[in-house]
Protein backbone atom coordinates (compact mmCIF):
# COMPACT_ATOMS: atom_id res chain seq x y z
CA MET A 1 -20.84 21.81 -1.53
CA ASP A 2 -21.05 23.20 -4.74
CA LEU A 3 -19.63 20.33 -6.53
CA PRO A 4 -20.19 19.92 -10.25
CA ALA A 5 -23.47 17.83 -10.73
CA ALA A 6 -21.65 15.47 -12.94
CA VAL A 7 -19.12 14.79 -10.28
CA VAL A 8 -21.99 14.17 -7.45
CA THR A 9 -23.54 11.86 -9.92
CA ALA A 10 -20.38 9.89 -10.37
CA LEU A 11 -19.98 9.93 -6.53
CA ALA A 12 -23.41 8.28 -6.32
CA ASP A 13 -22.90 5.78 -8.76
CA ALA A 14 -20.11 4.58 -6.56
CA GLY A 15 -22.20 4.31 -3.61
CA VAL A 16 -20.84 7.67 -2.15
CA HIS A 17 -23.53 9.70 -1.00
CA THR A 18 -22.46 11.23 2.65
CA PRO A 19 -19.00 12.78 3.20
CA PHE A 20 -16.84 11.55 5.72
CA PRO A 21 -15.79 13.83 8.34
CA ILE A 22 -12.48 14.87 7.04
CA GLN A 23 -14.08 15.59 3.76
CA ALA A 24 -16.78 17.58 5.37
CA ALA A 25 -14.36 19.45 7.23
CA THR A 26 -11.83 20.45 4.30
CA LEU A 27 -13.91 20.72 1.20
CA PRO A 28 -15.73 24.19 2.02
CA ASP A 29 -12.05 25.78 2.09
CA SER A 30 -10.25 23.61 -0.32
CA LEU A 31 -13.22 24.41 -2.83
CA THR A 32 -12.52 28.06 -2.62
CA GLY A 33 -8.99 27.93 -3.40
CA ARG A 34 -7.47 28.21 0.40
CA ASP A 35 -4.29 26.16 1.29
CA VAL A 36 -5.54 23.32 3.47
CA LEU A 37 -3.79 21.26 6.25
CA GLY A 38 -5.57 18.06 6.92
CA ARG A 39 -4.54 15.59 9.50
CA GLY A 40 -6.53 12.37 9.87
CA ARG A 41 -5.43 8.57 10.60
CA THR A 42 -5.22 6.34 7.75
CA GLY A 43 -8.97 4.87 6.16
CA SER A 44 -10.47 8.43 7.27
CA GLY A 45 -11.19 9.13 3.44
CA LYS A 46 -8.44 11.44 2.77
CA SER A 47 -8.34 10.55 -1.03
CA TYR A 48 -11.85 12.14 -1.64
CA ALA A 49 -11.06 14.96 0.38
CA PHE A 50 -8.30 16.33 -2.10
CA LEU A 51 -9.56 14.75 -5.32
CA LEU A 52 -12.90 16.30 -5.31
CA PRO A 53 -11.41 19.97 -4.98
CA VAL A 54 -8.94 19.32 -7.88
CA VAL A 55 -11.34 17.78 -10.19
CA ALA A 56 -14.14 20.60 -9.29
CA ARG A 57 -11.61 23.38 -9.73
CA LEU A 58 -10.26 22.33 -12.85
CA ALA A 59 -13.44 21.41 -14.45
CA ARG A 60 -15.00 24.98 -13.60
CA GLN A 61 -12.05 26.64 -15.63
CA PRO A 62 -11.43 24.38 -18.73
CA ARG A 63 -8.10 25.40 -20.72
CA THR A 64 -6.57 23.96 -23.72
CA ARG A 65 -4.29 21.73 -22.67
CA THR A 66 -0.25 22.29 -23.30
CA PRO A 67 2.16 19.51 -23.84
CA ARG A 68 4.36 18.91 -20.67
CA ARG A 69 2.77 21.37 -18.61
CA PRO A 70 -0.11 19.67 -16.27
CA ARG A 71 -2.44 22.08 -14.21
CA ALA A 72 -2.55 19.70 -11.21
CA LEU A 73 0.18 17.90 -9.47
CA ILE A 74 -0.49 15.14 -6.72
CA LEU A 75 2.37 13.66 -5.20
CA ALA A 76 2.27 10.26 -3.00
CA PRO A 77 4.91 7.97 -1.47
CA THR A 78 4.45 4.50 -3.07
CA ARG A 79 3.37 3.17 -6.52
CA GLU A 80 0.25 1.19 -4.96
CA LEU A 81 -1.04 4.51 -3.42
CA VAL A 82 -0.39 6.52 -6.93
CA THR A 83 -2.25 3.53 -8.72
CA GLN A 84 -5.27 3.23 -6.01
CA LEU A 85 -5.92 7.25 -6.37
CA ALA A 86 -5.59 7.21 -10.08
CA THR A 87 -8.43 4.31 -9.90
CA ALA A 88 -10.46 7.05 -7.66
CA LEU A 89 -9.81 9.86 -9.71
CA ALA A 90 -10.77 8.13 -13.16
CA PRO A 91 -14.58 8.10 -13.07
CA LEU A 92 -14.63 11.67 -11.76
CA ALA A 93 -12.13 12.81 -14.35
CA ALA A 94 -14.23 11.06 -17.20
CA VAL A 95 -17.25 12.93 -16.36
CA THR A 96 -15.59 16.31 -16.33
CA GLY A 97 -13.44 15.79 -19.35
CA LEU A 98 -9.95 15.79 -17.43
CA ARG A 99 -6.74 13.80 -18.45
CA SER A 100 -4.62 12.33 -15.95
CA VAL A 101 -1.43 10.11 -16.35
CA THR A 102 0.43 8.23 -13.35
CA VAL A 103 4.01 8.67 -13.08
CA PHE A 104 6.45 5.91 -11.22
CA GLY A 105 9.40 3.84 -11.31
CA GLY A 106 9.65 0.27 -12.02
CA VAL A 107 7.97 0.64 -15.17
CA GLY A 108 8.91 1.73 -18.56
CA ALA A 109 9.30 5.74 -18.89
CA GLN A 110 8.15 5.98 -22.49
CA PRO A 111 4.38 5.37 -22.06
CA GLN A 112 4.67 8.19 -19.27
CA ILE A 113 6.64 10.40 -21.56
CA GLN A 114 4.04 10.09 -24.56
CA ARG A 115 0.80 11.14 -22.17
CA LEU A 116 2.87 13.95 -21.03
CA ARG A 117 3.67 15.09 -24.70
CA ALA A 118 0.13 14.48 -25.63
CA GLY A 119 -0.83 16.76 -22.72
CA VAL A 120 -2.62 16.09 -19.59
CA ASP A 121 -4.41 17.98 -16.77
CA ILE A 122 -3.62 16.08 -13.70
CA VAL A 123 -0.34 14.32 -12.74
CA LEU A 124 -0.25 11.55 -10.24
CA ALA A 125 3.12 10.67 -9.02
CA CYS A 126 5.88 9.69 -6.87
CA PRO A 127 8.61 12.22 -6.40
CA GLY A 128 11.58 9.98 -7.69
CA ARG A 129 10.35 9.33 -11.45
CA LEU A 130 8.64 12.97 -11.68
CA GLU A 131 12.02 14.41 -10.68
CA ASP A 132 13.76 12.53 -13.52
CA LEU A 133 11.36 13.24 -16.20
CA MET A 134 11.57 17.06 -14.89
CA SER A 135 15.23 17.02 -15.28
CA SER A 136 15.02 15.47 -18.72
CA GLY A 137 12.52 18.21 -20.00
CA HIS A 138 9.73 15.92 -20.37
CA VAL A 139 7.63 17.70 -17.76
CA ASP A 140 7.23 21.51 -16.79
CA LEU A 141 5.54 22.07 -13.72
CA SER A 142 5.30 26.05 -14.06
CA GLY A 143 1.48 25.54 -14.99
CA VAL A 144 0.66 23.68 -11.88
CA GLU A 145 -2.36 25.56 -10.26
CA ILE A 146 -3.29 22.91 -7.58
CA THR A 147 -0.31 20.83 -5.49
CA VAL A 148 -1.36 18.02 -3.41
CA LEU A 149 0.86 15.84 -1.04
CA ASP A 150 -0.60 12.93 0.13
CA GLU A 151 0.90 10.94 3.19
CA ALA A 152 3.41 13.63 3.80
CA ASP A 153 4.64 12.24 7.15
CA HIS A 154 5.43 8.78 5.17
CA MET A 155 7.07 10.50 2.41
CA ALA A 156 9.47 12.13 5.02
CA ASP A 157 9.68 8.42 6.78
CA LEU A 158 10.74 7.17 3.29
CA GLY A 159 13.55 10.11 2.72
CA PHE A 160 11.50 11.67 -0.30
CA LEU A 161 11.46 15.37 1.47
CA PRO A 162 14.64 16.52 -0.48
CA GLY A 163 13.03 15.66 -3.74
CA VAL A 164 9.57 16.95 -2.77
CA LYS A 165 10.81 20.31 -2.01
CA ARG A 166 12.78 20.55 -5.21
CA LEU A 167 9.49 19.91 -7.00
CA LEU A 168 7.56 22.18 -5.06
CA ASP A 169 10.08 24.93 -5.81
CA ARG A 170 9.21 24.45 -9.57
CA THR A 171 5.60 25.17 -9.09
CA PRO A 172 4.20 28.53 -8.91
CA ARG A 173 4.30 30.10 -5.61
CA ASP A 174 0.78 31.54 -5.76
CA GLY A 175 -0.88 28.05 -6.59
CA GLN A 176 -3.08 26.26 -4.28
CA ARG A 177 -1.57 23.64 -1.99
CA LEU A 178 -3.03 20.79 -0.06
CA LEU A 179 -1.22 18.80 2.26
CA PHE A 180 -2.53 15.64 4.01
CA SER A 181 -0.68 13.78 6.63
CA ALA A 182 -1.55 11.71 9.88
CA THR A 183 1.17 13.50 11.81
CA LEU A 184 3.56 16.71 11.46
CA ASP A 185 6.73 15.17 12.64
CA ALA A 186 9.63 13.85 10.58
CA GLY A 187 10.18 17.24 8.96
CA VAL A 188 6.32 17.62 7.86
CA ASP A 189 6.18 21.03 9.61
CA VAL A 190 9.09 22.36 7.62
CA LEU A 191 6.84 21.80 4.37
CA VAL A 192 3.80 23.60 6.16
CA ARG A 193 5.82 26.66 6.88
CA ARG A 194 7.70 26.96 3.73
CA TYR A 195 4.96 26.12 1.03
CA LEU A 196 1.51 26.82 2.39
CA ASP A 197 0.31 30.30 2.80
CA ASP A 198 -1.80 30.76 5.87
CA PRO A 199 -3.46 27.38 5.47
CA VAL A 200 -6.74 26.25 7.21
CA VAL A 201 -5.97 23.36 9.55
CA HIS A 202 -8.48 20.46 10.03
CA SER A 203 -7.70 17.79 12.21
CA VAL A 204 -10.26 14.82 12.31
CA ASP A 205 -8.60 12.14 14.08
CA SER A 206 -5.14 12.08 15.37
CA GLU A 207 -2.82 9.14 14.45
CA GLN A 208 -3.01 7.66 18.03
CA SER A 209 -6.89 7.63 17.82
CA PRO A 210 -7.81 4.05 17.63
CA VAL A 211 -10.70 2.80 15.57
CA THR A 212 -13.47 2.27 17.94
CA ASP A 213 -14.70 -0.79 15.58
CA MET A 214 -11.37 -2.45 15.45
CA ALA A 215 -10.46 -5.31 17.92
CA HIS A 216 -6.94 -5.65 18.98
CA HIS A 217 -5.40 -9.21 20.24
CA VAL A 218 -2.18 -10.53 21.21
CA LEU A 219 -1.05 -14.34 20.72
CA HIS A 220 1.69 -15.30 22.85
CA VAL A 221 3.04 -18.37 21.01
CA GLN A 222 5.84 -20.64 20.62
CA PRO A 223 8.18 -20.30 17.57
CA SER A 224 7.21 -23.79 16.87
CA ALA A 225 3.47 -22.99 16.47
CA ARG A 226 3.94 -19.60 14.92
CA ILE A 227 2.97 -21.04 11.09
CA ASP A 228 0.22 -23.30 12.50
CA VAL A 229 -1.55 -20.09 14.32
CA LEU A 230 -0.99 -18.10 11.38
CA THR A 231 -2.14 -20.76 8.72
CA ASP A 232 -5.42 -21.16 10.96
CA LEU A 233 -6.24 -17.54 11.30
CA ALA A 234 -5.57 -17.15 7.17
CA ALA A 235 -7.71 -20.03 6.34
CA ALA A 236 -10.66 -18.48 8.21
CA PRO A 237 -13.52 -16.62 5.96
CA GLY A 238 -12.78 -13.33 4.36
CA ARG A 239 -9.68 -11.44 3.65
CA THR A 240 -6.61 -11.16 5.62
CA ILE A 241 -3.32 -9.05 5.23
CA VAL A 242 -0.39 -10.59 7.09
CA PHE A 243 2.53 -8.29 7.97
CA ALA A 244 6.03 -9.18 7.91
CA ARG A 245 9.22 -7.50 8.92
CA THR A 246 11.38 -8.13 5.81
CA LYS A 247 11.03 -9.01 2.18
CA HIS A 248 12.56 -12.40 2.77
CA GLY A 249 10.25 -13.28 5.35
CA ALA A 250 7.13 -12.40 3.21
CA LYS A 251 8.11 -14.27 0.61
CA LYS A 252 8.80 -17.45 2.83
CA LEU A 253 5.39 -16.96 4.67
CA ALA A 254 3.67 -16.73 1.37
CA ARG A 255 5.15 -20.14 -0.08
CA GLN A 256 4.21 -21.80 3.67
CA LEU A 257 0.57 -20.53 3.39
CA ASN A 258 0.35 -21.84 0.08
CA SER A 259 2.00 -25.13 0.56
CA ARG A 260 -0.72 -25.52 3.41
CA GLY A 261 -3.70 -25.06 1.14
CA VAL A 262 -4.32 -21.13 1.80
CA ARG A 263 -4.21 -18.97 -1.42
CA ALA A 264 -1.66 -16.14 -0.59
CA VAL A 265 0.08 -13.39 -2.53
CA GLU A 266 2.89 -11.40 -1.71
CA LEU A 267 3.86 -7.94 -1.89
CA HIS A 268 7.30 -6.60 -1.41
CA GLY A 269 10.08 -4.35 -3.17
CA ASN A 270 11.74 -7.11 -4.48
CA LEU A 271 8.88 -7.65 -6.81
CA ALA A 272 8.60 -6.14 -10.20
CA GLN A 273 5.85 -3.69 -10.77
CA ASN A 274 3.83 -5.85 -13.02
CA ALA A 275 4.07 -8.70 -10.33
CA ARG A 276 3.15 -6.28 -7.45
CA THR A 277 0.04 -5.19 -9.78
CA ARG A 278 -0.87 -8.78 -10.46
CA ASN A 279 -0.94 -9.92 -6.95
CA LEU A 280 -2.76 -6.85 -5.71
CA THR A 281 -5.65 -7.83 -8.50
CA ALA A 282 -5.69 -11.19 -7.26
CA PHE A 283 -6.33 -10.01 -3.79
CA ALA A 284 -8.83 -7.61 -4.70
CA ASP A 285 -10.49 -9.83 -6.93
CA GLY A 286 -10.70 -12.57 -4.30
CA SER A 287 -8.57 -15.18 -6.21
CA ALA A 288 -6.23 -15.06 -3.41
CA THR A 289 -7.50 -14.29 0.16
CA VAL A 290 -4.47 -13.54 1.89
CA LEU A 291 -1.85 -10.91 1.01
CA VAL A 292 1.61 -11.16 2.85
CA ALA A 293 3.09 -7.88 2.85
CA THR A 294 6.12 -5.66 4.04
CA ASP A 295 5.28 -2.31 5.30
CA ILE A 296 5.15 -1.30 1.60
CA ALA A 297 1.12 -2.08 2.12
CA ALA A 298 0.98 -0.51 5.28
CA ARG A 299 -0.16 2.94 3.90
CA GLY A 300 -2.20 3.28 0.71
CA ILE A 301 -3.49 -0.09 -0.06
CA HIS A 302 -7.32 0.03 0.15
CA VAL A 303 -9.10 -3.21 -0.63
CA ASP A 304 -12.44 -3.50 0.64
CA ASP A 305 -13.78 -6.10 3.25
CA VAL A 306 -10.32 -6.66 4.80
CA GLY A 307 -11.61 -8.27 7.90
CA LEU A 308 -8.21 -9.27 9.68
CA VAL A 309 -4.93 -7.73 9.83
CA VAL A 310 -2.23 -10.04 11.30
CA HIS A 311 1.22 -8.86 12.47
CA ALA A 312 3.43 -11.97 11.74
CA ASP A 313 6.49 -9.98 12.97
CA PRO A 314 5.40 -6.94 15.30
CA PRO A 315 6.68 -3.80 13.81
CA VAL A 316 9.30 -1.66 15.48
CA GLU A 317 7.47 1.65 16.16
CA HIS A 318 3.96 2.43 16.97
CA LYS A 319 3.21 4.51 14.09
CA ALA A 320 3.81 1.38 11.77
CA TYR A 321 1.37 -0.57 13.98
CA LEU A 322 -1.39 1.57 13.27
CA HIS A 323 -0.96 2.03 9.77
CA ARG A 324 -0.76 -1.50 9.41
CA SER A 325 -3.69 -1.97 11.47
CA GLY A 326 -5.58 0.71 9.44
CA ARG A 327 -5.84 -1.60 6.69
CA THR A 328 -8.87 -3.13 8.32
CA ALA A 329 -11.86 -1.30 10.00
CA ARG A 330 -11.85 1.24 7.15
CA ALA A 331 -14.55 3.79 6.32
CA GLY A 332 -16.95 2.79 9.16
CA ALA A 333 -16.48 -0.97 9.28
CA SER A 334 -15.26 -3.38 11.74
CA GLY A 335 -12.25 -5.34 11.72
CA THR A 336 -9.73 -7.59 13.84
CA VAL A 337 -6.07 -7.14 14.40
CA VAL A 338 -3.89 -9.81 15.87
CA THR A 339 -0.02 -9.67 16.92
CA LEU A 340 1.87 -12.95 17.36
CA MET A 341 4.50 -12.41 19.99
CA LEU A 342 7.21 -14.54 20.78
CA ASP A 343 8.75 -14.79 24.19
CA ASP A 344 11.65 -12.60 23.47
CA GLN A 345 9.10 -9.91 22.15
CA VAL A 346 7.06 -9.39 25.20
CA SER A 347 8.64 -6.17 26.53
CA ASP A 348 8.63 -4.80 22.92
CA VAL A 349 5.02 -5.41 22.17
CA ARG A 350 3.79 -4.07 25.40
CA ALA A 351 5.92 -0.72 24.94
CA LEU A 352 4.44 -0.75 21.02
CA THR A 353 0.58 -1.18 21.94
CA ARG A 354 1.07 1.05 24.94
CA LYS A 355 2.39 3.94 22.42
CA ALA A 356 -0.11 3.05 19.86
CA GLY A 357 -3.04 3.91 22.63
CA VAL A 358 -4.49 0.39 22.31
CA LYS A 359 -5.18 -2.07 24.79
CA PRO A 360 -5.32 -5.57 23.22
CA VAL A 361 -6.59 -8.93 24.30
CA ILE A 362 -3.31 -10.88 25.45
CA THR A 363 -3.86 -14.75 25.31
CA ARG A 364 -0.92 -17.62 25.71
CA PHE A 365 -1.48 -19.82 22.69
CA THR A 366 -1.21 -23.55 24.33
CA GLY A 367 -2.21 -25.77 21.30
CA PRO A 368 -3.81 -25.92 17.88
CA GLN A 369 -7.16 -26.21 19.44
CA HIS A 370 -7.23 -23.23 21.54
CA PRO A 371 -10.81 -21.72 21.22
CA VAL A 372 -9.27 -18.20 20.99
CA LEU A 373 -8.46 -18.75 17.20
CA HIS A 374 -12.36 -19.28 16.42
CA GLN A 375 -13.24 -16.42 18.57
CA ILE A 376 -10.97 -14.03 16.68
CA ALA A 377 -11.44 -15.41 13.48
CA PRO A 378 -14.83 -17.25 13.13
CA GLY A 379 -15.96 -19.82 10.60
CA GLU A 380 -14.93 -22.83 8.87
CA ARG A 381 -11.29 -22.74 7.57
CA ILE A 382 -10.91 -23.13 3.89
CA PHE A 383 -8.23 -24.80 1.92
CA THR A 384 -7.62 -24.97 -1.63
CA THR A 385 -5.54 -28.11 -1.70
CA PRO A 386 -4.67 -30.69 1.06
CA ILE A 387 -2.56 -29.33 3.72
CA GLY A 388 1.16 -30.14 2.87
CA THR A 389 0.59 -30.61 -0.73
CA ALA A 390 0.65 -28.37 -3.84
CA PRO A 391 -0.22 -29.12 -7.41
CA PRO A 392 2.65 -30.90 -9.47
CA GLY A 393 4.89 -28.59 -11.72
CA THR A 394 3.27 -25.34 -9.99
CA ALA A 395 4.66 -22.43 -7.92
CA PRO A 396 2.88 -20.69 -4.97
CA ALA A 397 0.61 -17.72 -5.87
CA GLY A 398 2.73 -14.54 -6.14
CA THR A 399 5.68 -16.01 -7.86
CA ASP A 400 6.79 -15.09 -11.46
CA ARG A 401 7.12 -18.77 -13.08
CA PRO A 402 6.65 -22.21 -12.65
CA ARG A 403 9.03 -24.55 -10.72
CA ARG A 404 10.82 -27.00 -13.04
CA PRO A 405 10.99 -30.43 -11.96
CA ARG A 406 14.12 -31.25 -10.35
CA PRO A 407 16.38 -33.86 -11.99
CA ALA A 408 16.57 -37.27 -10.53
CA ALA A 409 19.14 -37.02 -7.60
CA ARG A 410 21.17 -40.44 -8.42
CA ALA A 411 24.76 -40.16 -9.38
CA GLY A 412 25.28 -40.82 -12.95
CA VAL A 413 21.73 -40.60 -13.88
CA ALA A 414 19.99 -37.69 -15.92
CA GLY A 415 16.59 -36.40 -15.00
CA ASP A 416 15.09 -38.28 -17.87
CA GLY A 417 16.68 -41.55 -17.14
CA ARG A 418 19.36 -41.62 -19.64
CA ALA A 419 22.85 -42.23 -18.60
CA ARG A 420 24.98 -39.28 -17.90
CA ARG A 421 28.32 -38.92 -19.48
CA PRO A 422 31.19 -38.31 -16.97
CA ARG A 423 32.74 -34.81 -17.19
CA ARG A 424 36.45 -34.86 -17.66
CA ARG A 425 38.27 -32.56 -15.45
CA ALA A 426 40.23 -29.77 -16.93
CA THR A 427 43.99 -29.98 -16.06
CA ARG A 428 46.12 -26.68 -15.75
CA PRO A 429 50.14 -26.85 -16.60
CA SER A 430 52.57 -26.98 -13.36
CA LEU A 431 53.99 -23.63 -12.98
CA THR A 432 56.98 -25.44 -11.11
CA ARG A 433 57.27 -28.15 -13.44
């Protein structure tokens, strides 16, 4: 495919020797400078499909870096996705002498500003923070030669399209543009018509195409058994991602799993960026085997060898089901997806799976010894602490600080055993006296 030799070597060092279908389909056009619209489901290998032409084209025509004027722009909807793209880009940029910077909110802007002032070739950004830096004069997009929109439909779902349009309007009209999306609804078609010039369309897998190596199960459980079933599945060998509908729900489930001896970390919008990064690192390096997340992790989060995805709360729409489920069975691997269904969710879950194009095995859960649990997730259950206990003075994994011991509950006695001096109640003068 006429990639630079150093890039091919870097790919080989990373264990990448053969392109995935989306890469094989798009690279011949994108490497020649054509605008490309790539459609493929999550986990199909889209990242290299645009990172490789960006690196190859910039490396072929090296130029002196100009402060605040990058040559390539990659937009993605979430901080986690930007970070993972930067990780995938790093070895390719290192062997070609390219510099990059990540730009997103939740962290201090000053380091990003300093990198931009020093001059970079590639900016990987979320739209919001990049717009802020552009409006304050810290970045100039007039020198961008290649623009990439990744997960364009997700950016539309999150309401980012107005900002994306403002950013694209500041890039040269004759620059190359690559747009990758699972679907063309939610306004993505407007972006295609407005910003892509006679694009080559490559559709490898539709979003409704289920992965053949992904097994789908629905467990019909009672509310009282929900956390027991979840604990059993999460304690099975291997990495597991558990999806909750709300931030509070994700936090609560993570604490419950930790209290039962399952090392779990949480990922949701209420966490600071350093906590999100720390928890993702713990999940990736194996110090935590379970990630409890909201839909913030439904796209862009790629951790190798995630064997099980559990929908503790069924999603509202079928696209969310497919994106969540796509965290397993990635890049040719196999995986299992389990949805926990309560009595009042039966009709919704049936409609959900039908729209998603999957036919799950539905099992009514009758008790803790039900054999289906070991059929779905085989292996000896692993608990780091006795069930129902936690090390004294510690907080569950994924929280920011340890819990402090509570003082004694007896009236008039302080936590250290000393007598507590009674407080005097302040009196207010009567206005009628």
